[in-house]
Amino acid sequence: MIGEKLNIVASLLVAGGICIANAQTEQKDVNITGSLYDTLTQAALSGAKVSLANNPSVTTTTSADGSFKLMGTATVGLHSGIPAASEGFSISGTNMTFSVTEASAPVLVSVYTLKNELVRTVLDQRLASGNYGLDVGANLARGLYLARAQVGKRSATFKVTSLGRQAAGDLLVNAAARVALSKASAAVIDTLIITKDGYKRGAKGISTYTGNYTVLLKPRLTQISVVSARQPTVWTNCDAFVYDPQPGTQLKGNWTPAPFEGGDSWRITFSPDQSSSVWAFAPKTGTADMSDFKDGALHIAVKGSVASIGIFMASAENAFNATKVDVTKFGYKPDGAWHEMNIPVSEFKGTNLEMTSVYLGMGYPTTDTDVFDATLEYQIDDAYWKSTK
């Protein structure tokens, strides 16, 4: 079947997300130089560990000016014992290449959890003869997965590690483009892995064990805000959106009377004709990576007269059924006084924080059985995330 249960090949090499299958080993001299910089400040980063994913013993540390020199001997390839049925498939990191040797053949590429649960079907269509490449890990959350591919009667299963990056997963079907991608993917023989305290793990595929590379690392965020005078606001890709049928919720930023802190707050009022209210701070375009806060908490101050408010975060996977957390669980009361709350990010169940589509959303009433009263209102202030609870 396209979709039949495939045998897992246990002897695949998995190291830092790199799997090289059906290849003889070969020794290569390593002479790699490069420089490491902070993505935001462009400052040189010293003291970072740089190593090869497939050859972790080849390692070094960046100097005071962010430069590094990686030298040693690397082993290329591993005869993994994959049967002949797997010939024509390869994978480096999450970049899979495969060939269609027939005039045309049905192709199915899917990603599963290690518990054999389908995560997504990456490709399911009939393709003409040729070499193809695609990223099976595009927009996957960080973790270990099984990638299964079937081309006609040939099949293969690989373990892959996603670093949680957002990558283009489009199949390149133009003949010239797909050959170029296939060659480029097949040429990736190892991956530079860069780690430094306070920064996200970096990875850069390499096609040769010589050369010079410039690598950028993203700092891990420890505190960030959407509404707070005392916390840094570094999101430029953020805006407020109202999701009610018009006329609907009125958002009044820079509301000056009696804020919780600083010089202003946000006031939320309603139209007499509406029956519910939903609004959010969300990315203007695309999604945002909030994974630095997965073990942290959302801090927010709320005051109002509404009985309860459902607060939520969301990603593409749960945009229409995001978990709404009742703020009364964390101390809110409809008494017109400010109530300061810390809500663990773990309360927002089902949200893929690496692809956050709603930073902070609020809905009133909290449930379908609650009564909506358009004469009421509420305010919010000092809303920010911290990486610890």
Protein backbone atom coordinates (compact mmCIF):
# COMPACT_ATOMS: atom_id res chain seq x y z
CA MET A 1 0.00 0.00 0.00
CA ILE A 2 0.87 3.60 -0.21
CA GLY A 3 0.41 3.94 3.50
CA GLU A 4 1.22 0.32 4.42
CA LYS A 5 3.14 -0.24 7.62
CA LEU A 6 6.86 0.01 6.88
CA ASN A 7 9.66 -1.71 8.77
CA ILE A 8 11.91 0.58 10.77
CA VAL A 9 15.58 0.15 10.00
CA ALA A 10 17.19 0.25 13.43
CA SER A 11 20.75 0.58 12.22
CA LEU A 12 20.39 4.05 10.67
CA LEU A 13 22.89 6.60 11.84
CA VAL A 14 21.24 9.41 13.79
CA ALA A 15 23.54 12.10 15.10
CA GLY A 16 22.28 15.64 15.50
CA GLY A 17 19.60 15.01 12.92
CA ILE A 18 21.91 13.67 10.19
CA CYS A 19 21.22 10.29 8.64
CA ILE A 20 23.51 8.99 5.88
CA ALA A 21 22.32 5.71 4.46
CA ASN A 22 23.75 2.98 2.24
CA ALA A 23 27.26 4.45 1.92
CA GLN A 24 30.76 3.07 2.52
CA THR A 25 32.89 4.82 5.14
CA GLU A 26 35.71 7.11 4.06
CA GLN A 27 38.20 9.23 6.00
CA LYS A 28 38.41 12.95 5.23
CA ASP A 29 40.71 15.68 6.56
CA VAL A 30 38.79 18.55 8.19
CA ASN A 31 39.96 22.14 7.78
CA ILE A 32 36.99 24.43 8.40
CA THR A 33 37.20 28.05 9.48
CA GLY A 34 34.44 30.49 10.28
CA SER A 35 32.99 33.26 12.40
CA LEU A 36 30.05 33.33 14.80
CA TYR A 37 27.80 36.34 15.43
CA ASP A 38 24.69 37.32 17.41
CA THR A 39 21.69 37.54 15.05
CA LEU A 40 20.24 40.65 16.73
CA THR A 41 23.33 42.68 17.66
CA GLN A 42 25.83 41.32 15.10
CA ALA A 43 28.34 41.07 17.98
CA ALA A 44 31.03 38.37 17.74
CA LEU A 45 30.35 35.41 20.04
CA SER A 46 33.25 33.88 21.94
CA GLY A 47 33.29 30.66 23.94
CA ALA A 48 30.79 28.82 21.73
CA LYS A 49 31.29 25.11 21.02
CA VAL A 50 31.52 24.17 17.35
CA SER A 51 31.51 20.50 16.34
CA LEU A 52 30.46 18.10 13.59
CA ALA A 53 27.17 16.26 14.04
CA ASN A 54 28.42 13.02 12.48
CA ASN A 55 31.88 13.36 13.98
CA PRO A 56 31.41 14.97 17.41
CA SER A 57 35.03 14.36 18.40
CA VAL A 58 35.99 17.00 15.82
CA THR A 59 35.28 20.07 17.91
CA THR A 60 36.60 23.50 18.89
CA THR A 61 35.61 26.73 20.66
CA THR A 62 35.21 30.21 19.19
CA SER A 63 37.85 32.77 20.15
CA ALA A 64 37.37 36.30 21.51
CA ASP A 65 36.62 37.66 18.03
CA GLY A 66 34.07 34.90 17.32
CA SER A 67 36.33 33.02 14.91
CA PHE A 68 36.88 29.27 14.93
CA LYS A 69 39.04 26.66 13.21
CA LEU A 70 37.83 23.09 13.08
CA MET A 71 40.53 20.51 12.31
CA GLY A 72 40.77 16.74 12.50
CA THR A 73 39.71 13.63 10.63
CA ALA A 74 36.07 12.86 9.80
CA THR A 75 34.43 9.58 8.88
CA VAL A 76 32.07 9.98 5.93
CA GLY A 77 29.17 7.60 5.36
CA LEU A 78 28.08 4.44 7.11
CA HIS A 79 27.02 1.12 5.63
CA SER A 80 23.74 0.82 7.43
CA GLY A 81 22.54 -2.47 6.05
CA ILE A 82 19.53 -0.92 4.36
CA PRO A 83 18.12 -3.47 1.92
CA ALA A 84 18.14 -2.92 -1.82
CA ALA A 85 14.53 -1.74 -1.67
CA SER A 86 15.84 1.45 -0.01
CA GLU A 87 18.24 2.35 -2.80
CA GLY A 88 17.37 5.66 -4.39
CA PHE A 89 16.57 7.34 -1.05
CA SER A 90 18.83 9.45 1.17
CA ILE A 91 18.41 11.98 3.93
CA SER A 92 20.64 14.63 5.49
CA GLY A 93 19.16 16.34 8.50
CA THR A 94 15.54 16.69 7.39
CA ASN A 95 16.34 17.10 3.68
CA MET A 96 15.19 13.97 1.85
CA THR A 97 16.19 13.11 -1.70
CA PHE A 98 14.72 10.33 -3.80
CA SER A 99 14.55 9.24 -7.41
CA VAL A 100 11.69 8.11 -9.61
CA THR A 101 13.16 5.61 -12.07
CA GLU A 102 9.90 4.68 -13.77
CA ALA A 103 8.20 6.89 -16.36
CA SER A 104 5.96 7.92 -13.45
CA ALA A 105 5.12 6.55 -10.01
CA PRO A 106 2.93 7.33 -6.99
CA VAL A 107 4.96 8.94 -4.21
CA LEU A 108 3.99 9.17 -0.55
CA VAL A 109 6.18 10.89 2.05
CA SER A 110 4.86 11.11 5.62
CA VAL A 111 6.21 12.01 9.06
CA TYR A 112 5.32 10.00 12.17
CA THR A 113 6.08 10.19 15.87
CA LEU A 114 8.17 7.42 17.41
CA LYS A 115 4.85 5.98 18.64
CA ASN A 116 3.78 5.51 15.01
CA GLU A 117 1.30 8.41 15.11
CA LEU A 118 0.91 10.32 11.85
CA VAL A 119 2.11 13.93 12.20
CA ARG A 120 1.60 15.04 8.60
CA THR A 121 1.67 13.85 5.02
CA VAL A 122 4.37 15.88 3.29
CA LEU A 123 3.73 14.64 -0.25
CA ASP A 124 1.14 12.39 -1.89
CA GLN A 125 1.07 12.56 -5.67
CA ARG A 126 2.26 10.89 -8.88
CA LEU A 127 5.60 12.17 -10.14
CA ALA A 128 7.43 11.78 -13.43
CA SER A 129 10.88 10.25 -13.76
CA GLY A 130 13.66 12.32 -12.15
CA ASN A 131 15.48 13.25 -8.95
CA TYR A 132 13.57 15.10 -6.23
CA GLY A 133 14.31 16.74 -2.92
CA LEU A 134 12.16 18.17 -0.13
CA ASP A 135 12.43 19.15 3.51
CA VAL A 136 10.36 16.68 5.53
CA GLY A 137 10.97 18.71 8.69
CA ALA A 138 9.53 22.03 7.52
CA ASN A 139 7.69 23.66 10.47
CA LEU A 140 7.96 20.57 12.67
CA ALA A 141 8.32 21.14 16.39
CA ARG A 142 11.70 20.27 17.85
CA GLY A 143 12.04 16.51 18.37
CA LEU A 144 12.76 13.06 16.92
CA TYR A 145 10.50 11.66 14.18
CA LEU A 146 10.20 8.89 11.60
CA ALA A 147 10.14 9.93 7.95
CA ARG A 148 8.63 7.31 5.65
CA ALA A 149 8.82 7.42 1.89
CA GLN A 150 7.36 5.14 -0.76
CA VAL A 151 8.04 5.52 -4.46
CA GLY A 152 6.19 2.94 -6.48
CA LYS A 153 7.13 -0.37 -4.86
CA ARG A 154 10.28 0.96 -3.20
CA SER A 155 10.20 2.28 0.36
CA ALA A 156 12.44 3.54 3.14
CA THR A 157 12.11 4.73 6.73
CA PHE A 158 14.51 7.16 8.41
CA LYS A 159 14.80 8.67 11.86
CA VAL A 160 15.10 12.44 11.63
CA THR A 161 15.70 15.15 14.20
CA SER A 162 13.96 18.49 13.78
CA LEU A 163 15.66 21.50 15.35
CA GLY A 164 12.33 23.34 15.23
CA ARG A 165 13.31 25.62 12.42
CA GLN A 166 10.83 27.00 9.92
CA ALA A 167 11.92 25.94 6.46
CA ALA A 168 10.46 25.89 3.00
CA GLY A 169 8.99 22.44 2.43
CA ASP A 170 7.85 22.90 -1.14
CA LEU A 171 8.74 20.19 -3.59
CA LEU A 172 10.70 21.60 -6.50
CA VAL A 173 9.07 20.19 -9.60
CA ASN A 174 10.82 22.26 -12.24
CA ALA A 175 13.26 19.85 -13.92
CA ALA A 176 16.34 22.07 -13.62
CA ALA A 177 15.49 23.18 -10.09
CA ARG A 178 14.80 19.72 -8.73
CA VAL A 179 18.08 18.35 -10.12
CA ALA A 180 19.95 21.23 -8.53
CA LEU A 181 18.23 20.63 -5.18
CA SER A 182 18.86 16.91 -5.39
CA LYS A 183 22.55 17.50 -6.05
CA ALA A 184 22.81 20.06 -3.27
CA SER A 185 21.03 17.82 -0.75
CA ALA A 186 23.05 14.77 -1.71
CA ALA A 187 26.24 16.80 -1.29
CA VAL A 188 25.49 17.62 2.38
CA ILE A 189 27.88 15.28 4.16
CA ASP A 190 27.79 16.65 7.69
CA THR A 191 26.44 19.49 9.84
CA LEU A 192 28.16 22.11 11.92
CA ILE A 193 26.53 22.16 15.38
CA ILE A 194 27.02 25.35 17.41
CA THR A 195 26.05 25.66 21.07
CA LYS A 196 26.46 28.54 23.51
CA ASP A 197 24.81 29.33 26.83
CA GLY A 198 21.99 31.82 26.38
CA TYR A 199 21.58 31.04 22.68
CA LYS A 200 19.54 28.65 20.58
CA ARG A 201 21.36 25.70 19.08
CA GLY A 202 22.69 26.41 15.60
CA ALA A 203 23.09 23.98 12.71
CA LYS A 204 24.60 24.51 9.28
CA GLY A 205 24.87 21.80 6.63
CA ILE A 206 28.22 21.45 4.89
CA SER A 207 29.05 19.81 1.57
CA THR A 208 32.82 19.70 2.09
CA TYR A 209 35.17 19.45 5.05
CA THR A 210 37.03 22.59 3.98
CA GLY A 211 35.91 26.19 3.61
CA ASN A 212 34.93 29.25 5.58
CA TYR A 213 31.47 29.76 7.11
CA THR A 214 29.66 32.66 8.75
CA VAL A 215 27.11 31.50 11.32
CA LEU A 216 24.47 33.53 13.18
CA LEU A 217 22.99 32.43 16.52
CA LYS A 218 19.68 33.61 17.94
CA PRO A 219 19.70 34.54 21.65
CA ARG A 220 17.28 32.77 23.93
CA LEU A 221 14.67 35.20 25.22
CA THR A 222 14.14 35.39 28.97
CA GLN A 223 11.55 38.18 29.21
CA ILE A 224 9.51 39.93 26.54
CA SER A 225 6.30 41.96 26.52
CA VAL A 226 3.39 43.18 24.44
CA VAL A 227 2.02 45.66 27.01
CA SER A 228 4.42 46.77 29.72
CA ALA A 229 6.33 49.94 30.52
CA ARG A 230 8.92 48.12 32.60
CA GLN A 231 9.69 45.16 30.33
CA PRO A 232 11.40 45.29 26.90
CA THR A 233 9.18 45.07 23.85
CA VAL A 234 11.23 43.69 20.97
CA TRP A 235 8.47 42.36 18.73
CA THR A 236 8.11 44.52 15.66
CA ASN A 237 5.93 41.89 14.00
CA CYS A 238 2.98 42.35 16.36
CA ASP A 239 -0.41 43.99 16.05
CA ALA A 240 -3.84 43.90 17.68
CA PHE A 241 -6.67 42.20 15.80
CA VAL A 242 -10.41 42.00 16.52
CA TYR A 243 -12.20 38.85 15.34
CA ASP A 244 -15.81 39.86 16.07
CA PRO A 245 -18.40 40.42 13.35
CA GLN A 246 -18.76 44.18 13.03
CA PRO A 247 -19.72 46.18 14.95
CA GLY A 248 -17.63 44.60 17.69
CA THR A 249 -14.97 44.92 20.33
CA GLN A 250 -13.30 48.28 20.74
CA LEU A 251 -9.60 48.22 21.65
CA LYS A 252 -8.34 51.43 23.21
CA GLY A 253 -4.59 51.41 23.61
CA ASN A 254 -2.72 54.16 25.47
CA TRP A 255 -5.62 54.35 27.92
CA THR A 256 -4.29 56.74 30.56
CA PRO A 257 -6.67 56.73 33.55
CA ALA A 258 -5.34 54.59 36.40
CA PRO A 259 -3.05 52.07 34.67
CA PHE A 260 -1.58 49.15 36.63
CA GLU A 261 1.95 50.43 35.97
CA GLY A 262 3.60 52.93 33.67
CA GLY A 263 1.61 55.67 31.98
CA ASP A 264 -1.18 53.79 30.21
CA SER A 265 -3.03 50.49 29.68
CA TRP A 266 -5.45 48.91 27.20
CA ARG A 267 -9.21 49.25 27.63
CA ILE A 268 -11.64 46.78 26.00
CA THR A 269 -15.28 47.79 25.47
CA PHE A 270 -18.12 46.37 23.37
CA SER A 271 -20.84 47.31 20.91
CA PRO A 272 -24.49 46.94 22.01
CA ASP A 273 -25.22 44.64 19.05
CA GLN A 274 -22.51 42.05 19.54
CA SER A 275 -23.00 38.71 21.31
CA SER A 276 -19.39 37.82 22.10
CA SER A 277 -15.88 39.26 21.95
CA VAL A 278 -12.57 37.81 20.75
CA TRP A 279 -9.40 39.78 20.07
CA ALA A 280 -5.66 39.12 20.14
CA PHE A 281 -2.15 40.40 19.86
CA ALA A 282 -0.81 38.40 16.91
CA PRO A 283 2.01 38.48 14.34
CA LYS A 284 1.35 40.83 11.44
CA THR A 285 2.82 38.21 9.13
CA GLY A 286 3.76 34.56 9.54
CA THR A 287 4.29 33.02 12.96
CA ALA A 288 6.67 33.58 15.87
CA ASP A 289 8.95 31.25 17.82
CA MET A 290 7.95 31.41 21.50
CA SER A 291 9.64 28.13 22.46
CA ASP A 292 11.98 29.94 24.89
CA PHE A 293 8.96 30.36 27.18
CA LYS A 294 7.62 26.80 27.18
CA ASP A 295 8.63 26.34 30.84
CA GLY A 296 7.77 29.89 31.81
CA ALA A 297 4.72 32.01 32.51
CA LEU A 298 2.59 34.81 31.11
CA HIS A 299 2.34 37.74 33.50
CA ILE A 300 -0.67 40.01 33.11
CA ALA A 301 -2.73 42.46 35.16
CA VAL A 302 -6.49 42.64 34.52
CA LYS A 303 -9.29 44.70 36.01
CA GLY A 304 -12.90 44.92 34.95
CA SER A 305 -16.57 44.23 35.50
CA VAL A 306 -16.99 41.20 33.21
CA ALA A 307 -17.58 37.99 35.14
CA SER A 308 -14.73 36.05 33.54
CA ILE A 309 -12.34 36.17 30.59
CA GLY A 310 -10.81 33.33 28.61
CA ILE A 311 -7.16 34.00 27.81
CA PHE A 312 -5.29 31.96 25.18
CA MET A 313 -2.25 31.46 23.00
CA ALA A 314 -2.54 29.70 19.65
CA SER A 315 -0.64 28.22 16.72
CA ALA A 316 -1.73 27.12 13.26
CA GLU A 317 -2.63 23.65 14.57
CA ASN A 318 -5.13 24.89 17.17
CA ALA A 319 -6.11 28.34 15.87
CA PHE A 320 -9.82 27.50 15.94
CA ASN A 321 -9.93 25.48 19.14
CA ALA A 322 -7.24 27.03 21.31
CA THR A 323 -7.39 26.25 25.02
CA LYS A 324 -8.96 29.20 26.84
CA VAL A 325 -7.74 29.63 30.40
CA ASP A 326 -10.28 31.22 32.76
CA VAL A 327 -8.50 34.11 34.48
CA THR A 328 -10.64 33.63 37.59
CA LYS A 329 -8.49 30.53 38.26
CA PHE A 330 -5.55 32.87 38.77
CA GLY A 331 -7.13 35.53 40.96
CA TYR A 332 -9.20 37.77 38.70
CA LYS A 333 -12.44 39.13 40.19
CA PRO A 334 -15.03 41.39 38.50
CA ASP A 335 -14.64 44.06 41.16
CA GLY A 336 -13.07 46.90 39.16
CA ALA A 337 -9.69 46.44 40.88
CA TRP A 338 -6.40 45.38 39.32
CA HIS A 339 -5.48 41.71 39.73
CA GLU A 340 -1.92 40.59 38.94
CA MET A 341 -1.58 37.06 37.58
CA ASN A 342 1.14 34.61 36.51
CA ILE A 343 -0.27 31.95 34.17
CA PRO A 344 2.07 29.02 33.34
CA VAL A 345 2.55 28.73 29.59
CA SER A 346 1.88 25.00 30.01
CA GLU A 347 -1.79 25.94 30.61
CA PHE A 348 -2.12 26.79 26.90
CA LYS A 349 -2.34 23.16 25.87
CA GLY A 350 -2.09 22.18 22.22
CA THR A 351 -0.16 25.29 21.18
CA ASN A 352 2.97 24.72 19.12
CA LEU A 353 5.04 27.54 20.57
CA GLU A 354 7.58 27.33 17.76
CA MET A 355 4.83 28.44 15.36
CA THR A 356 2.85 30.86 17.52
CA SER A 357 0.08 32.61 15.60
CA VAL A 358 -1.47 34.36 18.64
CA TYR A 359 0.82 35.79 21.30
CA LEU A 360 -2.01 36.72 23.63
CA GLY A 361 -5.73 36.43 22.94
CA MET A 362 -8.73 37.17 25.15
CA GLY A 363 -12.37 36.20 24.77
CA TYR A 364 -15.54 37.11 26.64
CA PRO A 365 -17.61 35.22 27.62
CA THR A 366 -15.27 32.37 28.55
CA THR A 367 -17.71 29.60 27.64
CA ASP A 368 -20.75 29.30 25.38
CA THR A 369 -23.02 29.01 28.40
CA ASP A 370 -21.91 32.31 29.96
CA VAL A 371 -24.08 35.37 29.37
CA PHE A 372 -22.56 38.25 27.39
CA ASP A 373 -23.22 41.76 28.67
CA ALA A 374 -22.16 44.52 26.28
CA THR A 375 -22.44 47.18 28.99
CA LEU A 376 -19.42 45.76 30.84
CA GLU A 377 -15.69 46.24 30.11
CA TYR A 378 -12.18 45.37 31.23
CA GLN A 379 -8.58 46.62 31.04
CA ILE A 380 -5.22 44.87 30.70
CA ASP A 381 -1.71 46.04 31.53
CA ASP A 382 1.82 44.78 32.23
CA ALA A 383 1.48 41.76 29.91
CA TYR A 384 4.78 39.97 29.35
CA TRP A 385 6.34 36.50 29.27
CA LYS A 386 9.18 35.24 31.37
CA SER A 387 11.15 32.05 30.70
CA THR A 388 10.76 30.80 34.27
CA LYS A 389 7.64 30.45 36.38
